[in-house]
Amino acid sequence: MANHSRPLSPHLQVYRWQLTMVLSIIHRMTGVALSAGLVVFVAWLVAAAMGPEAFASVHAILASLPGEAVLAAITFAFFYHLCNGVRHLAWDAGYWLEIPAVYASGWSVVAASIALTALAWLLAWGLVGGSS
């Protein structure tokens, strides 16, 4: 028997968005993106095992502009999830739990994720760290 006189719990519309909320949601989204990225990686491996024609087809898809955008998004998801995971490990160890440190580490995760993604792609394109 339901008691209809009790108030319903508040929904997301009553909360003001905060950095910690957004970063938590992005962490979950990047976890899902990494699962999708694993499917792309397995497809690439299967194509490589099937022979040069299959590999060339998958390579053409991944080397296209939309394919590279997907790969860049997966790369960002990897670095964000990694950096935010390290942040959570620090929290589990009892560090950075004060509000200013939580916000500073949150923005650091965002900055590090963007920088590491850019560095990875610059290295992949051979624009940095190339041989002389």
C-alpha atoms as a PDB file:
ATOM      1  CA  MET A   1       0.000   0.000   0.000  1.00  0.00           C
ATOM      2  CA  ALA A   2       1.561   3.238  -1.136  1.00  0.00           C
ATOM      3  CA  ASN A   3       1.495   6.256   1.150  1.00  0.00           C
ATOM      4  CA  HIS A   4       0.687   9.153  -1.190  1.00  0.00           C
ATOM      5  CA  SER A   5       0.966  11.810   1.515  1.00  0.00           C
ATOM      6  CA  ARG A   6       4.767  11.602   1.549  1.00  0.00           C
ATOM      7  CA  PRO A   7       6.606  14.053  -0.721  1.00  0.00           C
ATOM      8  CA  LEU A   8       8.552  12.746  -3.677  1.00  0.00           C
ATOM      9  CA  SER A   9      12.317  13.070  -3.561  1.00  0.00           C
ATOM     10  CA  PRO A  10      13.699  15.997  -5.587  1.00  0.00           C
ATOM     11  CA  HIS A  11      14.842  15.438  -9.124  1.00  0.00           C
ATOM     12  CA  LEU A  12      17.867  16.877 -10.936  1.00  0.00           C
ATOM     13  CA  GLN A  13      15.977  20.021 -11.953  1.00  0.00           C
ATOM     14  CA  VAL A  14      16.057  21.346  -8.384  1.00  0.00           C
ATOM     15  CA  TYR A  15      19.828  21.043  -8.046  1.00  0.00           C
ATOM     16  CA  ARG A  16      22.278  23.679  -9.221  1.00  0.00           C
ATOM     17  CA  TRP A  17      24.933  22.164 -11.488  1.00  0.00           C
ATOM     18  CA  GLN A  18      28.345  21.992  -9.850  1.00  0.00           C
ATOM     19  CA  LEU A  19      31.728  20.990 -11.173  1.00  0.00           C
ATOM     20  CA  THR A  20      31.797  17.791  -9.133  1.00  0.00           C
ATOM     21  CA  MET A  21      28.410  16.747 -10.538  1.00  0.00           C
ATOM     22  CA  VAL A  22      29.470  17.407 -14.127  1.00  0.00           C
ATOM     23  CA  LEU A  23      32.802  15.614 -13.722  1.00  0.00           C
ATOM     24  CA  SER A  24      31.073  12.607 -12.188  1.00  0.00           C
ATOM     25  CA  ILE A  25      28.646  12.397 -15.106  1.00  0.00           C
ATOM     26  CA  ILE A  26      31.499  12.769 -17.613  1.00  0.00           C
ATOM     27  CA  HIS A  27      33.430  10.019 -15.795  1.00  0.00           C
ATOM     28  CA  ARG A  28      30.510   7.646 -16.301  1.00  0.00           C
ATOM     29  CA  MET A  29      30.111   8.708 -19.933  1.00  0.00           C
ATOM     30  CA  THR A  30      33.801   8.154 -20.663  1.00  0.00           C
ATOM     31  CA  GLY A  31      33.528   4.678 -19.146  1.00  0.00           C
ATOM     32  CA  VAL A  32      30.765   3.886 -21.634  1.00  0.00           C
ATOM     33  CA  ALA A  33      32.805   5.459 -24.450  1.00  0.00           C
ATOM     34  CA  LEU A  34      35.767   3.255 -23.542  1.00  0.00           C
ATOM     35  CA  SER A  35      33.526   0.200 -23.833  1.00  0.00           C
ATOM     36  CA  ALA A  36      32.496   1.343 -27.310  1.00  0.00           C
ATOM     37  CA  GLY A  37      36.150   2.028 -28.096  1.00  0.00           C
ATOM     38  CA  LEU A  38      36.983  -1.529 -27.145  1.00  0.00           C
ATOM     39  CA  VAL A  39      34.488  -2.724 -29.763  1.00  0.00           C
ATOM     40  CA  VAL A  40      36.242  -0.542 -32.360  1.00  0.00           C
ATOM     41  CA  PHE A  41      39.628  -1.940 -31.286  1.00  0.00           C
ATOM     42  CA  VAL A  42      38.394  -5.542 -31.528  1.00  0.00           C
ATOM     43  CA  ALA A  43      36.950  -4.827 -34.987  1.00  0.00           C
ATOM     44  CA  TRP A  44      40.353  -3.465 -36.024  1.00  0.00           C
ATOM     45  CA  LEU A  45      42.106  -6.577 -34.673  1.00  0.00           C
ATOM     46  CA  VAL A  46      39.649  -8.939 -36.369  1.00  0.00           C
ATOM     47  CA  ALA A  47      40.091  -7.084 -39.663  1.00  0.00           C
ATOM     48  CA  ALA A  48      43.874  -7.364 -39.313  1.00  0.00           C
ATOM     49  CA  ALA A  49      43.535 -11.112 -38.720  1.00  0.00           C
ATOM     50  CA  MET A  50      41.220 -11.542 -41.711  1.00  0.00           C
ATOM     51  CA  GLY A  51      43.723 -10.215 -44.214  1.00  0.00           C
ATOM     52  CA  PRO A  52      44.868  -7.130 -46.098  1.00  0.00           C
ATOM     53  CA  GLU A  53      41.538  -6.413 -47.825  1.00  0.00           C
ATOM     54  CA  ALA A  54      39.509  -6.413 -44.603  1.00  0.00           C
ATOM     55  CA  PHE A  55      42.185  -4.391 -42.829  1.00  0.00           C
ATOM     56  CA  ALA A  56      42.255  -1.835 -45.656  1.00  0.00           C
ATOM     57  CA  SER A  57      38.480  -1.410 -45.372  1.00  0.00           C
ATOM     58  CA  VAL A  58      38.571  -0.810 -41.614  1.00  0.00           C
ATOM     59  CA  HIS A  59      41.628   1.426 -41.965  1.00  0.00           C
ATOM     60  CA  ALA A  60      39.818   3.542 -44.578  1.00  0.00           C
ATOM     61  CA  ILE A  61      36.909   4.033 -42.167  1.00  0.00           C
ATOM     62  CA  LEU A  62      39.140   4.920 -39.220  1.00  0.00           C
ATOM     63  CA  ALA A  63      41.378   7.195 -41.323  1.00  0.00           C
ATOM     64  CA  SER A  64      38.411   9.234 -42.576  1.00  0.00           C
ATOM     65  CA  LEU A  65      37.516  12.505 -40.857  1.00  0.00           C
ATOM     66  CA  PRO A  66      34.566  11.001 -38.932  1.00  0.00           C
ATOM     67  CA  GLY A  67      36.715   7.992 -38.029  1.00  0.00           C
ATOM     68  CA  GLU A  68      39.483  10.197 -36.685  1.00  0.00           C
ATOM     69  CA  ALA A  69      36.916  12.212 -34.721  1.00  0.00           C
ATOM     70  CA  VAL A  70      35.692   8.990 -33.097  1.00  0.00           C
ATOM     71  CA  LEU A  71      39.280   7.952 -32.346  1.00  0.00           C
ATOM     72  CA  ALA A  72      40.017  11.385 -30.865  1.00  0.00           C
ATOM     73  CA  ALA A  73      36.923  11.114 -28.664  1.00  0.00           C
ATOM     74  CA  ILE A  74      37.998   7.667 -27.502  1.00  0.00           C
ATOM     75  CA  THR A  75      41.477   9.024 -26.784  1.00  0.00           C
ATOM     76  CA  PHE A  76      40.003  11.836 -24.687  1.00  0.00           C
ATOM     77  CA  ALA A  77      37.749   9.343 -22.899  1.00  0.00           C
ATOM     78  CA  PHE A  78      40.786   7.216 -22.059  1.00  0.00           C
ATOM     79  CA  PHE A  79      42.832  10.088 -20.656  1.00  0.00           C
ATOM     80  CA  TYR A  80      39.901  11.638 -18.782  1.00  0.00           C
ATOM     81  CA  HIS A  81      38.951   8.327 -17.196  1.00  0.00           C
ATOM     82  CA  LEU A  82      42.600   7.693 -16.296  1.00  0.00           C
ATOM     83  CA  CYS A  83      43.191  11.126 -14.759  1.00  0.00           C
ATOM     84  CA  ASN A  84      39.897  11.131 -12.892  1.00  0.00           C
ATOM     85  CA  GLY A  85      40.623   7.609 -11.647  1.00  0.00           C
ATOM     86  CA  VAL A  86      43.925   8.840 -10.192  1.00  0.00           C
ATOM     87  CA  ARG A  87      41.999  11.701  -8.576  1.00  0.00           C
ATOM     88  CA  HIS A  88      39.624   9.206  -6.991  1.00  0.00           C
ATOM     89  CA  LEU A  89      42.559   7.145  -5.732  1.00  0.00           C
ATOM     90  CA  ALA A  90      43.913  10.278  -4.042  1.00  0.00           C
ATOM     91  CA  TRP A  91      40.503  10.836  -2.452  1.00  0.00           C
ATOM     92  CA  ASP A  92      40.439   7.218  -1.268  1.00  0.00           C
ATOM     93  CA  ALA A  93      43.810   7.834   0.378  1.00  0.00           C
ATOM     94  CA  GLY A  94      42.373  10.880   2.171  1.00  0.00           C
ATOM     95  CA  TYR A  95      43.953  13.615   0.052  1.00  0.00           C
ATOM     96  CA  TRP A  96      42.336  16.640  -1.657  1.00  0.00           C
ATOM     97  CA  LEU A  97      39.030  16.314   0.205  1.00  0.00           C
ATOM     98  CA  GLU A  98      38.622  20.005   1.084  1.00  0.00           C
ATOM     99  CA  ILE A  99      36.349  21.944  -1.275  1.00  0.00           C
ATOM    100  CA  PRO A 100      39.093  24.167  -2.822  1.00  0.00           C
ATOM    101  CA  ALA A 101      41.257  21.104  -3.467  1.00  0.00           C
ATOM    102  CA  VAL A 102      38.295  19.215  -4.963  1.00  0.00           C
ATOM    103  CA  TYR A 103      37.716  22.032  -7.463  1.00  0.00           C
ATOM    104  CA  ALA A 104      41.430  22.467  -8.206  1.00  0.00           C
ATOM    105  CA  SER A 105      41.886  18.747  -8.838  1.00  0.00           C
ATOM    106  CA  GLY A 106      38.736  18.707 -10.981  1.00  0.00           C
ATOM    107  CA  TRP A 107      39.977  21.466 -13.246  1.00  0.00           C
ATOM    108  CA  SER A 108      43.393  19.775 -13.293  1.00  0.00           C
ATOM    109  CA  VAL A 109      41.775  16.573 -14.558  1.00  0.00           C
ATOM    110  CA  VAL A 110      40.055  18.485 -17.370  1.00  0.00           C
ATOM    111  CA  ALA A 111      43.257  20.322 -18.348  1.00  0.00           C
ATOM    112  CA  ALA A 112      45.426  17.201 -18.165  1.00  0.00           C
ATOM    113  CA  SER A 113      42.937  15.208 -20.246  1.00  0.00           C
ATOM    114  CA  ILE A 114      42.891  17.825 -22.991  1.00  0.00           C
ATOM    115  CA  ALA A 115      46.688  18.216 -22.932  1.00  0.00           C
ATOM    116  CA  LEU A 116      47.359  14.460 -22.982  1.00  0.00           C
ATOM    117  CA  THR A 117      44.871  13.934 -25.813  1.00  0.00           C
ATOM    118  CA  ALA A 118      46.501  16.703 -27.854  1.00  0.00           C
ATOM    119  CA  LEU A 119      49.974  15.348 -27.139  1.00  0.00           C
ATOM    120  CA  ALA A 120      48.961  11.806 -28.128  1.00  0.00           C
ATOM    121  CA  TRP A 121      47.529  13.014 -31.426  1.00  0.00           C
ATOM    122  CA  LEU A 122      50.508  15.245 -32.155  1.00  0.00           C
ATOM    123  CA  LEU A 123      52.775  12.260 -31.542  1.00  0.00           C
ATOM    124  CA  ALA A 124      50.572  10.052 -33.735  1.00  0.00           C
ATOM    125  CA  TRP A 125      50.735  12.562 -36.591  1.00  0.00           C
ATOM    126  CA  GLY A 126      54.489  12.865 -36.128  1.00  0.00           C
ATOM    127  CA  LEU A 127      54.295  16.615 -35.446  1.00  0.00           C
ATOM    128  CA  VAL A 128      56.289  16.364 -32.213  1.00  0.00           C
ATOM    129  CA  GLY A 129      59.014  14.010 -31.111  1.00  0.00           C
ATOM    130  CA  GLY A 130      59.922  13.058 -34.656  1.00  0.00           C
ATOM    131  CA  SER A 131      63.349  11.874 -35.663  1.00  0.00           C
ATOM    132  CA  SER A 132      65.857  14.417 -36.962  1.00  0.00           C
END
